[in-house]
Protein backbone atom coordinates (compact mmCIF):
# COMPACT_ATOMS: atom_id res chain seq x y z
CA UNK A 1 47.87 47.16 -103.47
CA UNK A 2 45.90 44.32 -105.07
CA UNK A 3 44.79 41.19 -103.28
CA UNK A 4 47.38 39.07 -105.08
CA UNK A 5 50.24 41.26 -103.85
CA UNK A 6 49.18 41.90 -100.27
CA UNK A 7 51.72 40.44 -97.75
CA UNK A 8 51.06 39.07 -94.30
CA UNK A 9 53.43 39.71 -91.41
CA UNK A 10 53.88 37.26 -88.57
CA UNK A 11 56.07 38.00 -85.54
CA UNK A 12 59.66 37.07 -86.31
CA UNK A 13 58.81 35.61 -89.71
CA UNK A 14 59.38 37.20 -93.12
CA UNK A 15 56.16 37.59 -95.11
CA UNK A 16 55.44 34.93 -97.73
CA UNK A 17 55.23 36.68 -101.09
CA UNK A 18 53.78 35.18 -104.23
CA UNK A 19 55.58 35.93 -107.47
CA UNK A 20 53.89 34.38 -110.49
CA UNK A 21 57.07 34.36 -112.60
CA UNK A 22 58.94 32.29 -109.99
CA UNK A 23 56.27 29.59 -110.00
CA UNK A 24 55.17 29.61 -113.63
CA UNK A 25 57.53 31.56 -115.91
CA UNK A 26 55.82 33.45 -118.74
CA UNK A 27 57.72 31.45 -121.37
CA UNK A 28 56.33 28.22 -119.92
CA UNK A 29 52.81 29.66 -119.72
CA UNK A 30 53.09 30.71 -123.37
CA UNK A 31 54.41 27.29 -124.32
CA UNK A 32 51.08 25.78 -123.27
CA UNK A 33 49.48 27.67 -126.16
CA UNK A 34 52.16 26.42 -128.55
CA UNK A 35 51.46 22.83 -127.52
CA UNK A 36 47.73 23.40 -127.99
CA UNK A 37 48.36 24.55 -131.57
CA UNK A 38 51.07 22.16 -132.73
CA UNK A 39 50.80 19.09 -130.46
CA UNK A 40 47.29 18.78 -128.99
CA UNK A 41 47.74 15.01 -128.74
CA UNK A 42 49.98 15.67 -125.74
CA UNK A 43 46.81 16.00 -123.61
CA UNK A 44 45.71 12.39 -124.13
CA UNK A 45 49.30 11.20 -124.05
CA UNK A 46 49.95 12.73 -120.62
CA UNK A 47 46.59 11.49 -119.32
CA UNK A 48 47.61 7.93 -120.22
CA UNK A 49 51.06 8.37 -118.67
CA UNK A 50 49.82 9.79 -115.38
CA UNK A 51 50.18 7.43 -112.44
CA UNK A 52 46.82 7.05 -110.73
CA UNK A 53 46.41 6.27 -107.08
CA UNK A 54 44.58 2.99 -106.49
CA UNK A 55 41.97 4.18 -103.97
CA UNK A 56 40.15 7.49 -104.28
CA UNK A 57 41.28 8.48 -100.81
CA UNK A 58 44.36 7.38 -98.88
CA UNK A 59 42.87 7.91 -95.42
CA UNK A 60 39.14 8.34 -95.93
CA UNK A 61 39.52 12.11 -96.41
CA UNK A 62 39.99 14.51 -99.31
CA UNK A 63 41.16 18.07 -99.91
CA UNK A 64 40.67 19.40 -103.43
CA UNK A 65 41.53 22.83 -104.87
CA UNK A 66 38.64 24.23 -106.95
CA UNK A 67 39.53 26.17 -110.11
CA UNK A 68 36.23 25.99 -111.98
CA UNK A 69 34.78 29.43 -111.13
CA UNK A 70 35.67 31.31 -114.37
CA UNK A 71 33.62 28.94 -116.55
CA UNK A 72 30.48 30.23 -114.78
CA UNK A 73 31.56 33.85 -115.10
CA UNK A 74 32.80 34.10 -111.49
CA UNK A 75 36.13 35.92 -111.36
CA UNK A 76 35.89 38.14 -108.27
CA UNK A 77 38.08 37.64 -105.21
CA UNK A 78 37.49 40.20 -102.48
CA UNK A 79 37.53 43.65 -104.09
CA UNK A 80 39.35 42.46 -107.21
CA UNK A 81 36.59 41.86 -109.77
CA UNK A 82 38.82 39.99 -112.23
CA UNK A 83 41.31 38.17 -110.01
CA UNK A 84 40.39 34.68 -111.26
CA UNK A 85 40.12 35.95 -114.83
CA UNK A 86 43.91 36.10 -115.17
CA UNK A 87 44.71 32.56 -116.34
CA UNK A 88 48.46 32.93 -115.82
CA UNK A 89 47.81 33.94 -112.21
CA UNK A 90 45.22 31.21 -111.63
CA UNK A 91 47.28 28.43 -113.17
CA UNK A 92 50.40 29.51 -111.28
CA UNK A 93 48.49 29.47 -108.01
CA UNK A 94 47.07 26.04 -108.77
CA UNK A 95 50.56 24.76 -109.55
CA UNK A 96 51.87 26.32 -106.34
CA UNK A 97 49.42 24.54 -104.03
CA UNK A 98 50.19 21.26 -105.77
CA UNK A 99 53.62 21.54 -104.12
CA UNK A 100 51.79 20.40 -100.99
CA UNK A 101 52.02 16.61 -101.22
CA UNK A 102 49.03 16.31 -98.87
CA UNK A 103 46.74 18.14 -101.30
CA UNK A 104 44.75 15.32 -102.89
CA UNK A 105 43.97 17.00 -106.18
CA UNK A 106 41.97 19.57 -108.11
CA UNK A 107 38.47 20.34 -109.35
CA UNK A 108 38.73 21.74 -112.87
CA UNK A 109 36.90 22.52 -116.09
CA UNK A 110 37.88 20.95 -119.41
CA UNK A 111 40.23 23.73 -120.51
CA UNK A 112 41.94 23.78 -117.12
CA UNK A 113 42.37 20.01 -117.16
CA UNK A 114 44.01 20.28 -120.59
CA UNK A 115 46.32 23.04 -119.32
CA UNK A 116 47.42 21.04 -116.29
CA UNK A 117 48.06 17.94 -118.41
CA UNK A 118 50.15 19.99 -120.86
CA UNK A 119 52.08 21.61 -118.00
CA UNK A 120 52.57 18.17 -116.47
CA UNK A 121 54.00 16.96 -119.79
CA UNK A 122 56.41 19.90 -119.96
CA UNK A 123 57.62 19.33 -116.42
CA UNK A 124 57.97 15.60 -116.96
CA UNK A 125 60.36 16.30 -119.83
CA UNK A 126 62.54 18.32 -117.43
CA UNK A 127 62.43 16.18 -114.29
CA UNK A 128 60.99 12.81 -115.28
CA UNK A 129 58.15 13.25 -112.79
CA UNK A 130 54.70 14.82 -112.83
CA UNK A 131 52.91 16.88 -110.19
CA UNK A 132 49.68 15.10 -111.24
CA UNK A 133 50.93 11.61 -110.40
CA UNK A 134 48.91 10.19 -107.52
CA UNK A 135 46.45 13.10 -107.52
CA UNK A 136 42.68 13.06 -107.71
CA UNK A 137 41.35 14.80 -110.83
CA UNK A 138 37.68 15.83 -110.65
CA UNK A 139 35.95 17.46 -113.59
CA UNK A 140 33.31 20.17 -113.26
CA UNK A 141 30.32 19.20 -115.41
CA UNK A 142 27.53 21.82 -115.35
CA UNK A 143 28.76 25.39 -115.77
CA UNK A 144 25.89 26.73 -117.89
CA UNK A 145 24.18 28.66 -115.09
CA UNK A 146 26.25 31.77 -115.68
CA UNK A 147 26.39 34.14 -112.73
CA UNK A 148 24.08 37.13 -113.01
CA UNK A 149 22.12 35.90 -116.02
CA UNK A 150 18.36 35.38 -116.27
CA UNK A 151 19.05 31.67 -116.91
CA UNK A 152 21.31 31.22 -113.90
CA UNK A 153 19.12 28.51 -112.35
CA UNK A 154 18.97 26.60 -115.63
CA UNK A 155 22.40 25.14 -114.97
CA UNK A 156 23.05 23.20 -118.14
CA UNK A 157 25.86 20.69 -118.60
CA UNK A 158 28.22 22.64 -120.80
CA UNK A 159 31.52 21.27 -119.53
CA UNK A 160 33.13 17.87 -119.03
CA UNK A 161 31.13 14.68 -119.61
CA UNK A 162 31.49 11.39 -117.77
CA UNK A 163 32.77 9.83 -121.01
CA UNK A 164 35.51 12.44 -121.39
CA UNK A 165 36.49 12.12 -117.73
CA UNK A 166 36.87 8.39 -118.23
CA UNK A 167 38.95 8.92 -121.40
CA UNK A 168 41.34 11.22 -119.54
CA UNK A 169 41.53 8.77 -116.60
CA UNK A 170 40.07 11.19 -114.07
CA UNK A 171 38.68 10.07 -110.74
CA UNK A 172 35.30 11.77 -110.72
CA UNK A 173 32.93 14.52 -111.75
CA UNK A 174 31.23 17.32 -109.86
CA UNK A 175 27.67 18.56 -110.35
CA UNK A 176 26.08 21.70 -108.93
CA UNK A 177 22.40 21.70 -107.96
CA UNK A 178 21.00 24.98 -106.71
CA UNK A 179 17.35 25.05 -105.68
CA UNK A 180 15.20 28.12 -106.02
CA UNK A 181 11.66 26.82 -105.25
CA UNK A 182 10.15 29.67 -107.30
CA UNK A 183 12.12 28.94 -110.47
CA UNK A 184 11.11 26.03 -112.71
CA UNK A 185 14.64 25.92 -114.11
CA UNK A 186 15.76 24.30 -110.86
CA UNK A 187 13.62 21.29 -111.74
CA UNK A 188 15.36 20.88 -115.10
CA UNK A 189 18.75 21.17 -113.42
CA UNK A 190 17.72 18.54 -110.85
CA UNK A 191 16.92 16.05 -113.61
CA UNK A 192 20.17 16.80 -115.44
CA UNK A 193 22.16 16.28 -112.23
CA UNK A 194 20.48 12.90 -111.66
CA UNK A 195 21.41 11.86 -115.21
CA UNK A 196 25.00 12.94 -114.60
CA UNK A 197 25.23 10.92 -111.38
CA UNK A 198 24.00 7.89 -113.34
CA UNK A 199 26.56 8.50 -116.11
CA UNK A 200 29.38 8.76 -113.58
CA UNK A 201 28.24 5.55 -111.88
CA UNK A 202 28.13 3.78 -115.26
CA UNK A 203 31.76 4.75 -115.85
CA UNK A 204 32.73 3.82 -112.26
CA UNK A 205 33.65 7.38 -111.39
CA UNK A 206 32.97 9.20 -108.13
CA UNK A 207 30.21 11.83 -108.14
CA UNK A 208 30.65 15.00 -106.10
CA UNK A 209 27.23 16.63 -105.70
CA UNK A 210 26.97 20.24 -104.49
CA UNK A 211 23.43 21.05 -103.30
CA UNK A 212 22.72 24.70 -102.44
CA UNK A 213 19.44 26.22 -101.36
CA UNK A 214 19.23 29.74 -102.75
CA UNK A 215 16.99 32.78 -102.53
CA UNK A 216 16.81 35.47 -105.19
CA UNK A 217 17.20 39.02 -103.94
CA UNK A 218 17.79 42.35 -105.66
CA UNK A 219 21.57 41.81 -105.51
CA UNK A 220 21.34 38.28 -106.94
CA UNK A 221 21.14 34.77 -105.53
CA UNK A 222 22.13 34.17 -101.92
CA UNK A 223 22.83 30.81 -100.32
CA UNK A 224 20.51 29.76 -97.50
CA UNK A 225 22.60 28.10 -94.80
CA UNK A 226 20.02 27.54 -92.08
CA UNK A 227 19.90 23.95 -90.87
CA UNK A 228 16.32 23.31 -92.02
CA UNK A 229 17.00 24.32 -95.63
CA UNK A 230 20.24 22.36 -95.79
CA UNK A 231 18.75 19.23 -94.20
CA UNK A 232 15.90 19.13 -96.72
CA UNK A 233 18.22 19.68 -99.66
CA UNK A 234 20.71 17.13 -98.34
CA UNK A 235 18.01 14.48 -98.57
CA UNK A 236 17.23 15.47 -102.15
CA UNK A 237 20.88 15.45 -103.23
CA UNK A 238 21.66 12.11 -101.59
CA UNK A 239 18.75 10.53 -103.44
CA UNK A 240 19.87 11.59 -106.93
CA UNK A 241 20.55 8.83 -109.43
CA UNK A 242 20.17 5.07 -109.42
CA UNK A 243 23.01 4.51 -106.94
CA UNK A 244 24.75 6.52 -104.23
CA UNK A 245 27.62 4.04 -103.97
CA UNK A 246 30.24 6.53 -105.17
CA UNK A 247 28.61 9.83 -104.20
CA UNK A 248 30.16 12.54 -102.03
CA UNK A 249 28.31 15.71 -101.01
CA UNK A 250 29.86 19.16 -101.12
CA UNK A 251 28.17 21.50 -98.65
CA UNK A 252 28.78 24.90 -97.03
CA UNK A 253 29.84 25.37 -93.44
CA UNK A 254 27.02 26.52 -91.18
CA UNK A 255 26.23 26.76 -87.49
CA UNK A 256 23.88 23.77 -87.67
CA UNK A 257 26.30 21.53 -89.55
CA UNK A 258 26.13 18.70 -87.01
CA UNK A 259 22.36 18.50 -87.57
CA UNK A 260 22.79 18.63 -91.34
CA UNK A 261 25.34 15.80 -91.25
CA UNK A 262 22.76 13.58 -89.52
CA UNK A 263 20.57 13.83 -92.62
CA UNK A 264 22.78 11.41 -94.59
CA UNK A 265 25.40 8.68 -94.36
CA UNK A 266 27.25 10.02 -97.41
CA UNK A 267 30.70 11.57 -96.88
CA UNK A 268 30.65 15.38 -96.94
CA UNK A 269 33.28 17.83 -98.13
CA UNK A 270 33.02 21.46 -97.02
CA UNK A 271 33.09 24.18 -99.65
CA UNK A 272 35.10 27.34 -99.23
CA UNK A 273 32.65 30.02 -100.32
CA UNK A 274 33.38 33.75 -100.74
CA UNK A 275 36.77 35.12 -99.68
CA UNK A 276 37.20 35.76 -95.96
CA UNK A 277 39.22 38.54 -94.34
CA UNK A 278 41.96 36.33 -92.93
CA UNK A 279 43.29 32.79 -93.41
CA UNK A 280 42.85 32.16 -89.68
CA UNK A 281 39.08 32.75 -90.01
CA UNK A 282 38.92 30.29 -92.88
CA UNK A 283 40.82 27.65 -90.93
CA UNK A 284 38.52 28.09 -87.93
CA UNK A 285 35.48 27.39 -90.11
CA UNK A 286 37.04 24.17 -91.40
CA UNK A 287 38.27 23.11 -87.96
CA UNK A 288 34.79 23.59 -86.52
CA UNK A 289 33.28 21.78 -89.49
CA UNK A 290 35.58 18.77 -89.19
CA UNK A 291 34.69 18.49 -85.51
CA UNK A 292 30.94 18.65 -86.20
CA UNK A 293 30.49 15.11 -87.54
CA UNK A 294 32.37 11.98 -88.64
CA UNK A 295 30.64 12.49 -92.00
CA UNK A 296 32.72 15.63 -92.63
CA UNK A 297 35.71 14.26 -94.55
CA UNK A 298 37.59 17.28 -95.89
CA UNK A 299 37.13 20.21 -98.23
CA UNK A 300 36.78 21.44 -101.79
CA UNK A 301 38.03 25.00 -101.63
CA UNK A 302 38.75 27.61 -104.30
CA UNK A 303 39.19 31.33 -103.76
CA UNK A 304 39.98 31.11 -100.06
CA UNK A 305 42.78 28.68 -100.82
CA UNK A 306 44.19 30.04 -104.07
CA UNK A 307 43.90 33.76 -103.27
CA UNK A 308 44.53 34.16 -99.54
CA UNK A 309 45.13 37.64 -98.17
CA UNK A 310 48.63 36.45 -97.24
CA UNK A 311 49.75 36.29 -100.89
CA UNK A 312 51.38 32.88 -101.28
CA UNK A 313 48.67 30.16 -101.32
CA UNK A 314 50.99 27.33 -100.28
CA UNK A 315 51.05 28.08 -96.50
CA UNK A 316 47.25 28.20 -96.48
CA UNK A 317 47.11 24.88 -98.33
CA UNK A 318 49.57 23.24 -95.96
CA UNK A 319 47.63 24.50 -92.95
CA UNK A 320 44.34 23.16 -94.31
CA UNK A 321 45.70 19.76 -95.29
CA UNK A 322 47.35 19.51 -91.87
CA UNK A 323 43.91 20.00 -90.29
CA UNK A 324 42.33 17.35 -92.48
CA UNK A 325 45.02 14.72 -93.05
CA UNK A 326 47.31 15.12 -90.04
CA UNK A 327 44.71 15.86 -87.36
CA UNK A 328 46.45 19.08 -86.36
CA UNK A 329 44.68 21.47 -84.00
CA UNK A 330 43.49 24.87 -85.16
CA UNK A 331 46.33 26.51 -83.24
CA UNK A 332 48.91 24.27 -84.91
CA UNK A 333 47.40 24.96 -88.34
CA UNK A 334 47.51 28.73 -87.79
CA UNK A 335 51.19 28.42 -86.87
CA UNK A 336 51.85 26.79 -90.25
CA UNK A 337 50.61 29.97 -91.93
CA UNK A 338 53.65 31.82 -90.58
CA UNK A 339 56.20 29.29 -91.78
CA UNK A 340 58.25 30.57 -94.75
CA UNK A 341 57.67 28.82 -98.09
CA UNK A 342 60.29 29.95 -100.62
CA UNK A 343 59.16 29.82 -104.24
CA UNK A 344 60.76 27.30 -106.58
CA UNK A 345 60.73 27.49 -110.36
CA UNK A 346 58.57 24.88 -112.09
CA UNK A 347 61.42 23.57 -114.24
CA UNK A 348 63.60 22.95 -111.19
CA UNK A 349 61.10 20.85 -109.26
CA UNK A 350 62.07 17.34 -108.33
CA UNK A 351 59.99 14.27 -107.69
CA UNK A 352 58.22 14.25 -104.34
CA UNK A 353 56.91 11.16 -102.61
CA UNK A 354 53.13 10.98 -102.17
CA UNK A 355 53.03 9.69 -98.63
CA UNK A 356 51.21 10.58 -95.45
CA UNK A 357 53.46 11.40 -92.54
């Protein structure tokens, strides 16, 4: 049984399955291609129509779903080497978690942003509402450091630009800076990231900077999560660009996170990282992280949110946003995982209020 089909059983509760066709019917997925061919102007049209929220954050916190892995050649989830390579599956899972009104938004590449805007247009025609209204749209900017290549540390800006993000009325851009002290390419990436932060500031967009200290081993690059490495890199990342006025940091959870958070006054979002064995383990990491410092303000999470071992990603999303936005305890969040979340077809969705309860 593949990761995307594996059910989870909770006492007295029927397992939450995830059926792609119930969330994003194949005919609707195929229609996205038809729109691309015959009506590409729909992308800009829907971007202009989308209702933006006034502030970036409603309560000083953010939870974003990250979809940008495939553009860097990263498709593996657990033992499934190509899980994120199935765009129908990935897009359906992204649409599913956006049923959680407490999910602030998504981190996407240019093609994914176009797909979501087209899908939003198609849904708006059916219901008069859009699942992107009131959401935070963040564009991934440097995806050129393809995983496993000899130029992996030379992470060029091959994706969305600050200008394009502004044109599509997005809220911000994300840059990835990985430091291998023995690779000169890291220096070139550092300069490019600083330029991107400046471009985002010029367009009055938020910058989400992801600094990672890495070490090259025989099996590839490995993140260094010791407090000393993260503290030093935190200082470098916070100092990028001419202004830090609209900068957020995206950092991994680690045992010394409270020490790391004292290295800056910038808000920090925790990244999800490689897939964990159980959703409860993932939630514990985030609960511990949120308790580590008032600088920790939420999460940007990809595989652990979209491809949980429990099948349906919506319970995991609701549990995480309850931790962040509703101040639920870890025990209360774990209980949410067991609550049934019946699937609803995209074309039958109705407008949902974007409010905090």
